[in-house]
Amino acid sequence: MRTTIRINDHLLEQAKARAAAEGRTLTSLIEEGLTILLSRPKDKRPPIKLPLSQATGGVLPGVDLNRSSDLEEIMSAP
């Protein structure tokens, strides 16, 4: 299955270098990492209760919350 994810640039470069050094694909490296993580027992800490914002307002004009790439551009704009 194909999907799009956002990964920290430095982490991605490390993963690409590791995959290349091991003669494997980035996909196989990510799959192995997820497999290891998901095979560990789930942490049984109680859930954190986050406060709800009382702020009013809304989305800026022209912002589509369904397009994460647009949101990232807006949030990183000076």
N, C-alpha and C. Protein backbone atom coordinates (compact mmCIF):
# COMPACT_ATOMS: atom_id res chain seq x y z
N MET A 1 0.84 -1.16 0.00
CA MET A 1 0.00 0.00 0.00
C MET A 1 0.89 1.23 0.00
N ARG A 2 0.50 2.25 -0.71
CA ARG A 2 1.25 3.51 -0.74
C ARG A 2 0.58 4.48 0.21
N THR A 3 1.41 5.28 0.86
CA THR A 3 0.89 6.32 1.74
C THR A 3 1.91 7.45 1.80
N THR A 4 1.50 8.58 2.31
CA THR A 4 2.40 9.72 2.47
C THR A 4 2.54 10.00 3.95
N ILE A 5 3.78 10.15 4.40
CA ILE A 5 4.03 10.49 5.80
C ILE A 5 5.03 11.64 5.83
N ARG A 6 5.04 12.35 6.94
CA ARG A 6 6.00 13.43 7.14
C ARG A 6 7.03 12.95 8.15
N ILE A 7 8.29 13.06 7.78
CA ILE A 7 9.40 12.62 8.63
C ILE A 7 10.39 13.76 8.76
N ASN A 8 10.90 13.96 9.94
CA ASN A 8 11.93 14.95 10.18
C ASN A 8 13.07 14.74 9.18
N ASP A 9 13.55 15.83 8.57
CA ASP A 9 14.59 15.74 7.54
C ASP A 9 15.83 14.99 8.00
N HIS A 10 16.29 15.30 9.20
CA HIS A 10 17.50 14.64 9.72
C HIS A 10 17.27 13.15 9.91
N LEU A 11 16.12 12.79 10.45
CA LEU A 11 15.79 11.38 10.66
C LEU A 11 15.71 10.64 9.32
N LEU A 12 15.11 11.27 8.33
CA LEU A 12 15.00 10.65 7.01
C LEU A 12 16.37 10.42 6.39
N GLU A 13 17.27 11.40 6.50
CA GLU A 13 18.61 11.23 5.96
C GLU A 13 19.34 10.08 6.66
N GLN A 14 19.17 9.97 7.99
CA GLN A 14 19.80 8.87 8.73
C GLN A 14 19.23 7.53 8.25
N ALA A 15 17.92 7.48 8.06
CA ALA A 15 17.28 6.23 7.62
C ALA A 15 17.75 5.84 6.22
N LYS A 16 17.84 6.81 5.32
CA LYS A 16 18.31 6.52 3.96
C LYS A 16 19.75 6.00 3.98
N ALA A 17 20.58 6.65 4.80
CA ALA A 17 21.99 6.22 4.89
C ALA A 17 22.08 4.81 5.45
N ARG A 18 21.28 4.51 6.48
CA ARG A 18 21.29 3.16 7.09
C ARG A 18 20.83 2.12 6.09
N ALA A 19 19.75 2.43 5.36
CA ALA A 19 19.23 1.49 4.36
C ALA A 19 20.29 1.23 3.28
N ALA A 20 20.93 2.28 2.81
CA ALA A 20 21.96 2.13 1.78
C ALA A 20 23.13 1.31 2.30
N ALA A 21 23.55 1.57 3.53
CA ALA A 21 24.68 0.84 4.12
C ALA A 21 24.37 -0.65 4.27
N GLU A 22 23.09 -0.95 4.49
CA GLU A 22 22.68 -2.35 4.64
C GLU A 22 22.23 -2.97 3.32
N GLY A 23 22.28 -2.19 2.24
CA GLY A 23 21.90 -2.70 0.93
C GLY A 23 20.42 -3.06 0.83
N ARG A 24 19.59 -2.23 1.43
CA ARG A 24 18.15 -2.49 1.41
C ARG A 24 17.40 -1.22 1.10
N THR A 25 16.11 -1.34 0.94
CA THR A 25 15.30 -0.17 0.61
C THR A 25 14.90 0.57 1.88
N LEU A 26 14.59 1.84 1.69
CA LEU A 26 14.08 2.65 2.80
C LEU A 26 12.76 2.05 3.30
N THR A 27 11.94 1.58 2.38
CA THR A 27 10.67 0.96 2.76
C THR A 27 10.88 -0.21 3.70
N SER A 28 11.83 -1.09 3.38
CA SER A 28 12.05 -2.26 4.23
C SER A 28 12.56 -1.86 5.61
N LEU A 29 13.38 -0.81 5.67
CA LEU A 29 13.88 -0.32 6.95
C LEU A 29 12.73 0.23 7.80
N ILE A 30 11.85 1.02 7.20
CA ILE A 30 10.70 1.58 7.91
C ILE A 30 9.76 0.47 8.36
N GLU A 31 9.51 -0.50 7.49
CA GLU A 31 8.63 -1.63 7.85
C GLU A 31 9.19 -2.40 9.05
N GLU A 32 10.51 -2.63 9.05
CA GLU A 32 11.12 -3.36 10.17
C GLU A 32 10.98 -2.56 11.47
N GLY A 33 11.22 -1.26 11.38
CA GLY A 33 11.09 -0.42 12.57
C GLY A 33 9.68 -0.43 13.13
N LEU A 34 8.69 -0.32 12.25
CA LEU A 34 7.30 -0.36 12.70
C LEU A 34 6.94 -1.73 13.28
N THR A 35 7.44 -2.78 12.67
CA THR A 35 7.17 -4.13 13.17
C THR A 35 7.72 -4.29 14.58
N ILE A 36 8.94 -3.83 14.80
CA ILE A 36 9.55 -3.92 16.14
C ILE A 36 8.74 -3.10 17.14
N LEU A 37 8.41 -1.88 16.78
CA LEU A 37 7.66 -1.01 17.69
C LEU A 37 6.29 -1.60 18.03
N LEU A 38 5.59 -2.10 17.02
CA LEU A 38 4.24 -2.61 17.24
C LEU A 38 4.21 -3.96 17.94
N SER A 39 5.34 -4.66 17.97
CA SER A 39 5.38 -5.97 18.64
C SER A 39 5.63 -5.82 20.14
N ARG A 40 6.06 -4.63 20.57
CA ARG A 40 6.30 -4.41 22.00
C ARG A 40 4.97 -4.25 22.74
N PRO A 41 4.94 -4.64 24.00
CA PRO A 41 3.71 -4.45 24.77
C PRO A 41 3.34 -2.97 24.86
N LYS A 42 2.07 -2.72 24.84
CA LYS A 42 1.58 -1.34 24.91
C LYS A 42 1.84 -0.76 26.30
N ASP A 43 2.26 0.48 26.33
CA ASP A 43 2.49 1.19 27.59
C ASP A 43 1.15 1.37 28.29
N LYS A 44 1.09 1.05 29.57
CA LYS A 44 -0.18 1.07 30.29
C LYS A 44 -0.36 2.32 31.16
N ARG A 45 0.26 3.42 30.76
CA ARG A 45 0.06 4.66 31.51
C ARG A 45 -1.36 5.15 31.29
N PRO A 46 -1.93 5.82 32.29
CA PRO A 46 -3.27 6.36 32.09
C PRO A 46 -3.25 7.46 31.03
N PRO A 47 -4.35 7.61 30.32
CA PRO A 47 -4.38 8.64 29.28
C PRO A 47 -4.26 10.03 29.89
N ILE A 48 -3.68 10.93 29.14
CA ILE A 48 -3.52 12.32 29.58
C ILE A 48 -4.77 13.09 29.18
N LYS A 49 -5.33 13.81 30.12
CA LYS A 49 -6.51 14.62 29.83
C LYS A 49 -6.04 16.02 29.45
N LEU A 50 -6.28 16.41 28.21
CA LEU A 50 -5.85 17.71 27.73
C LEU A 50 -6.94 18.75 27.93
N PRO A 51 -6.56 19.98 28.25
CA PRO A 51 -7.57 21.02 28.41
C PRO A 51 -8.15 21.42 27.06
N LEU A 52 -9.39 21.82 27.06
CA LEU A 52 -10.04 22.29 25.84
C LEU A 52 -9.86 23.79 25.73
N SER A 53 -9.57 24.24 24.55
CA SER A 53 -9.38 25.67 24.32
C SER A 53 -10.73 26.38 24.36
N GLN A 54 -10.72 27.56 24.92
CA GLN A 54 -11.92 28.39 24.94
C GLN A 54 -11.83 29.50 23.89
N ALA A 55 -10.81 29.40 23.03
CA ALA A 55 -10.59 30.43 22.01
C ALA A 55 -11.72 30.42 20.99
N THR A 56 -12.00 31.59 20.46
CA THR A 56 -13.00 31.71 19.41
C THR A 56 -12.27 32.08 18.12
N GLY A 57 -12.97 32.03 17.04
CA GLY A 57 -12.34 32.36 15.76
C GLY A 57 -12.59 31.24 14.79
N GLY A 58 -11.67 31.03 13.93
CA GLY A 58 -11.83 29.98 12.94
C GLY A 58 -10.60 29.88 12.06
N VAL A 59 -10.80 29.28 10.93
CA VAL A 59 -9.73 29.05 9.98
C VAL A 59 -9.52 30.31 9.15
N LEU A 60 -8.25 30.58 8.82
CA LEU A 60 -7.96 31.72 7.96
C LEU A 60 -8.61 31.54 6.60
N PRO A 61 -8.99 32.61 5.95
CA PRO A 61 -9.57 32.50 4.61
C PRO A 61 -8.62 31.77 3.66
N GLY A 62 -9.16 30.85 2.89
CA GLY A 62 -8.36 30.12 1.92
C GLY A 62 -7.67 28.89 2.46
N VAL A 63 -7.82 28.60 3.75
CA VAL A 63 -7.17 27.43 4.35
C VAL A 63 -8.12 26.24 4.27
N ASP A 64 -7.64 25.16 3.68
CA ASP A 64 -8.41 23.92 3.60
C ASP A 64 -7.77 22.92 4.57
N LEU A 65 -8.47 22.61 5.65
CA LEU A 65 -7.91 21.73 6.68
C LEU A 65 -7.69 20.30 6.18
N ASN A 66 -8.20 19.97 5.02
CA ASN A 66 -8.01 18.64 4.46
C ASN A 66 -6.75 18.54 3.61
N ARG A 67 -6.03 19.62 3.46
CA ARG A 67 -4.80 19.62 2.64
C ARG A 67 -3.62 19.96 3.55
N SER A 68 -2.98 18.93 4.07
CA SER A 68 -1.90 19.13 5.04
C SER A 68 -0.72 19.88 4.44
N SER A 69 -0.47 19.73 3.16
CA SER A 69 0.66 20.44 2.55
C SER A 69 0.41 21.95 2.56
N ASP A 70 -0.84 22.37 2.33
CA ASP A 70 -1.17 23.79 2.39
C ASP A 70 -1.00 24.32 3.81
N LEU A 71 -1.42 23.52 4.79
CA LEU A 71 -1.29 23.93 6.18
C LEU A 71 0.17 24.11 6.56
N GLU A 72 1.01 23.19 6.12
CA GLU A 72 2.43 23.27 6.46
C GLU A 72 3.04 24.53 5.87
N GLU A 73 2.66 24.88 4.64
CA GLU A 73 3.18 26.09 4.00
C GLU A 73 2.76 27.33 4.80
N ILE A 74 1.51 27.37 5.23
CA ILE A 74 1.00 28.53 5.97
C ILE A 74 1.69 28.64 7.32
N MET A 75 1.86 27.50 8.00
CA MET A 75 2.46 27.52 9.33
C MET A 75 3.94 27.88 9.29
N SER A 76 4.63 27.58 8.19
CA SER A 76 6.06 27.85 8.12
C SER A 76 6.35 29.20 7.47
N ALA A 77 5.31 29.92 7.02
CA ALA A 77 5.51 31.22 6.41
C ALA A 77 5.96 32.23 7.47
N PRO A 78 6.85 33.15 7.08
CA PRO A 78 7.35 34.15 8.06
C PRO A 78 6.29 35.12 8.51
